[in-house]
Protein backbone atom coordinates (compact mmCIF):
# COMPACT_ATOMS: atom_id res chain seq x y z
CA MET A 1 66.18 124.21 126.30
CA GLY A 2 65.94 123.01 122.58
CA ASN A 3 66.89 125.25 119.59
CA ILE A 4 64.63 127.30 116.77
CA LEU A 5 65.16 125.12 113.59
CA HIS A 6 64.74 127.27 110.35
CA ILE A 7 64.47 125.15 107.12
CA ILE A 8 65.00 127.23 104.13
CA SER A 9 63.83 125.46 100.89
CA SER A 10 63.49 128.17 98.45
CA ALA A 11 66.60 129.17 96.03
CA ARG A 12 65.53 132.44 95.14
CA GLY A 13 67.62 134.13 98.10
CA GLU A 14 66.28 137.44 98.66
CA ALA A 15 63.63 137.31 96.02
CA SER A 16 61.88 134.65 98.06
CA ASN A 17 58.78 135.02 99.82
CA SER A 18 58.93 131.78 101.75
CA ILE A 19 62.14 132.97 103.20
CA LEU A 20 60.99 136.40 103.80
CA LEU A 21 57.97 134.73 105.63
CA GLY A 22 60.12 132.27 107.35
CA ASN A 23 62.69 134.94 108.64
CA ARG A 24 59.61 137.23 110.00
CA ILE A 25 58.42 133.96 111.91
CA VAL A 26 61.88 133.17 113.35
CA GLU A 27 62.16 136.94 114.54
CA ARG A 28 58.95 136.84 116.28
CA LEU A 29 59.72 133.54 118.13
CA GLN A 30 63.25 135.08 119.08
CA ARG A 31 61.48 137.99 120.92
CA ARG A 32 59.48 135.32 122.58
CA TYR A 33 62.13 132.76 123.25
CA PRO A 34 65.38 134.97 123.52
CA ASP A 35 67.30 132.47 125.18
CA LYS A 36 66.83 129.76 122.26
CA LYS A 37 69.67 129.18 119.68
CA VAL A 38 68.74 129.78 116.04
CA VAL A 39 69.92 126.87 113.86
CA VAL A 40 69.49 127.20 110.16
CA ASN A 41 69.28 124.62 107.48
CA ASP A 42 69.15 125.62 103.90
CA VAL A 43 68.43 122.43 102.15
CA THR A 44 68.86 123.92 98.80
CA GLY A 45 72.57 123.92 99.31
CA GLN A 46 73.31 120.41 100.11
CA SER A 47 74.09 117.49 97.81
CA TRP A 48 71.17 115.24 98.97
CA GLN A 49 71.39 111.61 98.07
CA TRP A 50 67.96 110.56 96.84
CA LEU A 51 66.58 107.43 98.61
CA HIS A 52 68.48 104.18 96.88
CA ASN A 53 68.60 100.88 97.51
CA GLU A 54 71.82 101.06 99.54
CA LEU A 55 70.48 103.97 101.94
CA VAL A 56 67.37 102.35 102.55
CA ASP A 57 68.89 99.14 103.43
CA ALA A 58 71.28 101.40 105.94
CA TYR A 59 68.09 102.98 107.33
CA ARG A 60 66.75 99.32 108.54
CA THR A 61 69.95 98.18 109.67
CA PRO A 62 70.32 98.06 113.34
CA LEU A 63 73.11 100.32 114.80
CA ALA A 64 75.14 97.90 116.24
CA ALA A 65 75.01 95.84 112.78
CA LEU A 66 76.05 98.80 110.62
CA THR A 67 79.23 98.52 108.35
CA THR A 68 81.74 101.24 108.01
CA GLU A 69 79.91 102.08 104.66
CA GLN A 70 76.63 102.41 105.90
CA GLN A 71 77.95 104.68 108.58
CA VAL A 72 79.09 106.94 106.17
CA LEU A 73 76.01 106.72 103.90
CA LEU A 74 73.97 108.03 106.99
CA GLU A 75 76.06 110.69 107.93
CA THR A 76 73.67 113.47 106.39
CA SER A 77 70.77 111.98 107.58
CA ASP A 78 72.28 111.32 111.05
CA ALA A 79 72.91 114.95 111.24
CA THR A 80 69.50 116.24 110.14
CA VAL A 81 67.41 113.81 112.44
CA THR A 82 69.80 115.18 115.12
CA GLN A 83 68.67 118.70 114.51
CA MET A 84 65.20 118.10 114.70
CA GLN A 85 65.60 116.03 118.04
CA GLU A 86 67.28 119.32 119.32
CA ALA A 87 64.77 121.60 118.30
CA ASP A 88 61.92 122.35 120.34
CA VAL A 89 60.22 124.91 117.46
CA ILE A 90 60.67 124.27 113.92
CA VAL A 91 59.92 126.62 110.91
CA ILE A 92 59.61 125.45 107.47
CA GLY A 93 59.71 127.58 104.47
CA VAL A 94 57.61 126.20 101.48
CA PRO A 95 57.70 127.85 98.30
CA LEU A 96 54.73 126.06 96.30
CA TYR A 97 56.22 124.27 93.25
CA ASN A 98 54.14 122.81 90.46
CA PHE A 99 51.54 122.36 93.53
CA ASN A 100 53.94 120.66 95.87
CA LEU A 101 57.41 120.79 97.76
CA PRO A 102 60.74 121.67 96.30
CA ALA A 103 62.58 118.76 95.67
CA PRO A 104 65.27 119.58 97.96
CA LEU A 105 62.49 119.85 100.92
CA LYS A 106 61.42 116.27 99.95
CA ALA A 107 64.75 115.30 100.17
CA TRP A 108 64.92 116.30 103.74
CA VAL A 109 61.64 114.83 104.36
CA ASP A 110 63.16 111.36 103.05
CA HIS A 111 66.19 111.80 105.41
CA ILE A 112 64.33 112.70 109.02
CA VAL A 113 61.57 109.80 108.45
CA ARG A 114 63.80 106.77 109.71
CA PRO A 115 62.52 103.72 111.34
CA GLY A 116 63.76 103.12 115.05
CA LYS A 117 65.04 107.00 115.00
CA THR A 118 62.14 108.80 114.35
CA VAL A 119 59.37 106.31 113.94
CA ASN A 120 58.79 103.23 115.60
CA TYR A 121 56.45 100.47 113.77
CA GLN A 122 54.73 98.28 116.11
CA ASP A 123 51.47 95.90 116.03
CA GLY A 124 50.93 96.69 112.50
CA GLY A 125 50.81 100.73 113.42
CA PHE A 126 53.41 103.32 113.99
CA ALA A 127 54.64 105.61 116.87
CA GLY A 128 56.39 108.98 115.85
CA GLN A 129 59.32 109.53 118.14
CA LEU A 130 59.84 113.50 117.57
CA THR A 131 56.76 114.43 120.35
CA GLY A 132 56.54 117.75 121.80
CA LYS A 133 57.78 120.02 119.22
CA LYS A 134 55.91 123.04 117.55
CA VAL A 135 55.92 123.62 113.81
CA TYR A 136 55.54 126.72 111.62
CA LEU A 137 54.70 126.30 108.16
CA ALA A 138 56.07 129.40 105.94
CA ILE A 139 53.81 128.79 102.56
CA ALA A 140 54.46 131.14 99.75
CA SER A 141 52.69 130.76 96.15
CA ASN A 142 51.75 133.14 93.34
CA GLY A 143 48.19 131.83 93.35
CA ILE A 144 45.67 131.51 96.13
CA TYR A 145 45.75 127.91 97.87
CA SER A 146 44.51 128.65 101.49
CA GLU A 147 40.62 128.64 99.85
CA GLY A 148 38.86 128.92 96.95
CA PRO A 149 38.90 127.06 93.74
CA MET A 150 42.75 126.26 93.83
CA GLN A 151 42.75 124.90 97.56
CA PRO A 152 42.45 121.14 96.41
CA PHE A 153 45.67 121.77 94.34
CA ASP A 154 47.89 122.60 97.38
CA PHE A 155 49.60 119.28 98.06
CA ALA A 156 52.41 120.71 99.86
CA GLU A 157 50.55 121.24 103.29
CA PRO A 158 48.40 118.27 103.74
CA TYR A 159 51.38 115.98 102.80
CA LEU A 160 53.79 117.97 105.39
CA ARG A 161 51.07 117.79 108.06
CA TYR A 162 50.80 114.26 107.28
CA VAL A 163 54.45 113.22 107.09
CA LEU A 164 55.25 115.50 110.28
CA GLY A 165 52.50 113.68 112.22
CA PHE A 166 53.98 110.62 111.41
CA VAL A 167 57.21 111.22 113.19
CA GLY A 168 55.16 112.41 115.98
CA ILE A 169 54.58 116.46 115.35
CA THR A 170 51.16 117.27 115.32
CA ASP A 171 51.22 120.94 116.62
CA ILE A 172 51.54 122.68 113.42
CA THR A 173 50.43 126.37 112.33
CA THR A 174 50.54 127.54 108.67
CA TYR A 175 51.34 130.92 107.41
CA ARG A 176 51.00 132.12 104.04
CA ILE A 177 52.12 134.95 101.51
CA GLU A 178 50.00 134.01 98.83
CA GLY A 179 48.42 135.50 95.45
CA ALA A 180 51.56 137.36 94.83
CA GLY A 181 51.62 136.53 91.12
CA MET A 182 47.91 137.53 90.72
CA SER A 183 47.09 140.91 89.50
CA ALA A 184 44.24 141.53 92.09
CA THR A 185 46.43 140.68 95.19
CA ARG A 186 50.20 141.26 93.87
CA GLU A 187 50.36 144.54 95.94
CA THR A 188 49.12 143.38 99.17
CA ALA A 189 50.16 139.84 99.22
CA VAL A 190 53.37 140.40 101.18
CA GLU A 191 52.11 142.62 103.59
CA LYS A 192 49.17 140.55 104.33
CA GLY A 193 51.17 137.69 104.99
CA LEU A 194 53.72 139.20 106.98
CA ALA A 195 51.06 141.04 109.23
CA SER A 196 49.35 137.55 109.85
CA VAL A 197 52.62 136.53 111.44
CA GLU A 198 52.20 139.34 114.42
CA SER A 199 50.02 137.14 116.11
CA ILE A 200 52.72 134.49 117.33
């Protein structure tokens, strides 16, 4: 039985609505799957390597041909990919920063998209290898992006849906705490967002 993997990408700790929402989703999942282990990966607490030439070369080098230096370069990425492979359910907390992902979450994505490990290229196309998994996105924003005039400016959810589909994960459900910074919705935003999770 696979794990529940909880990805945290907000640096705001107890003040974070994406962490609050992600924790609530995990709680509901634990009730549903009491035998599953919960693994937490706080991506803000890691010193990620941003993509650079040596790392990209290591990604593209066959396993048997990796140098010792390349193996060291790949340690974080390998561990991150293993977490994904061992999880049946993945909860990703996403605070919306400047209409998109926080930088550490983008770095996490860059470490799980791996040729030959999480996606194979063939005949001019691609085949994702992380199939059979369920993802819940816990998105938090001060504005309202699920509908209305600001919807086109949410680049986080569409990107995550595409890149997760690229590695084989297409079963994705989104929950939101939104409008937390707007006077008309501030008082009810958190309560409404948390209540929506009760349907899990």
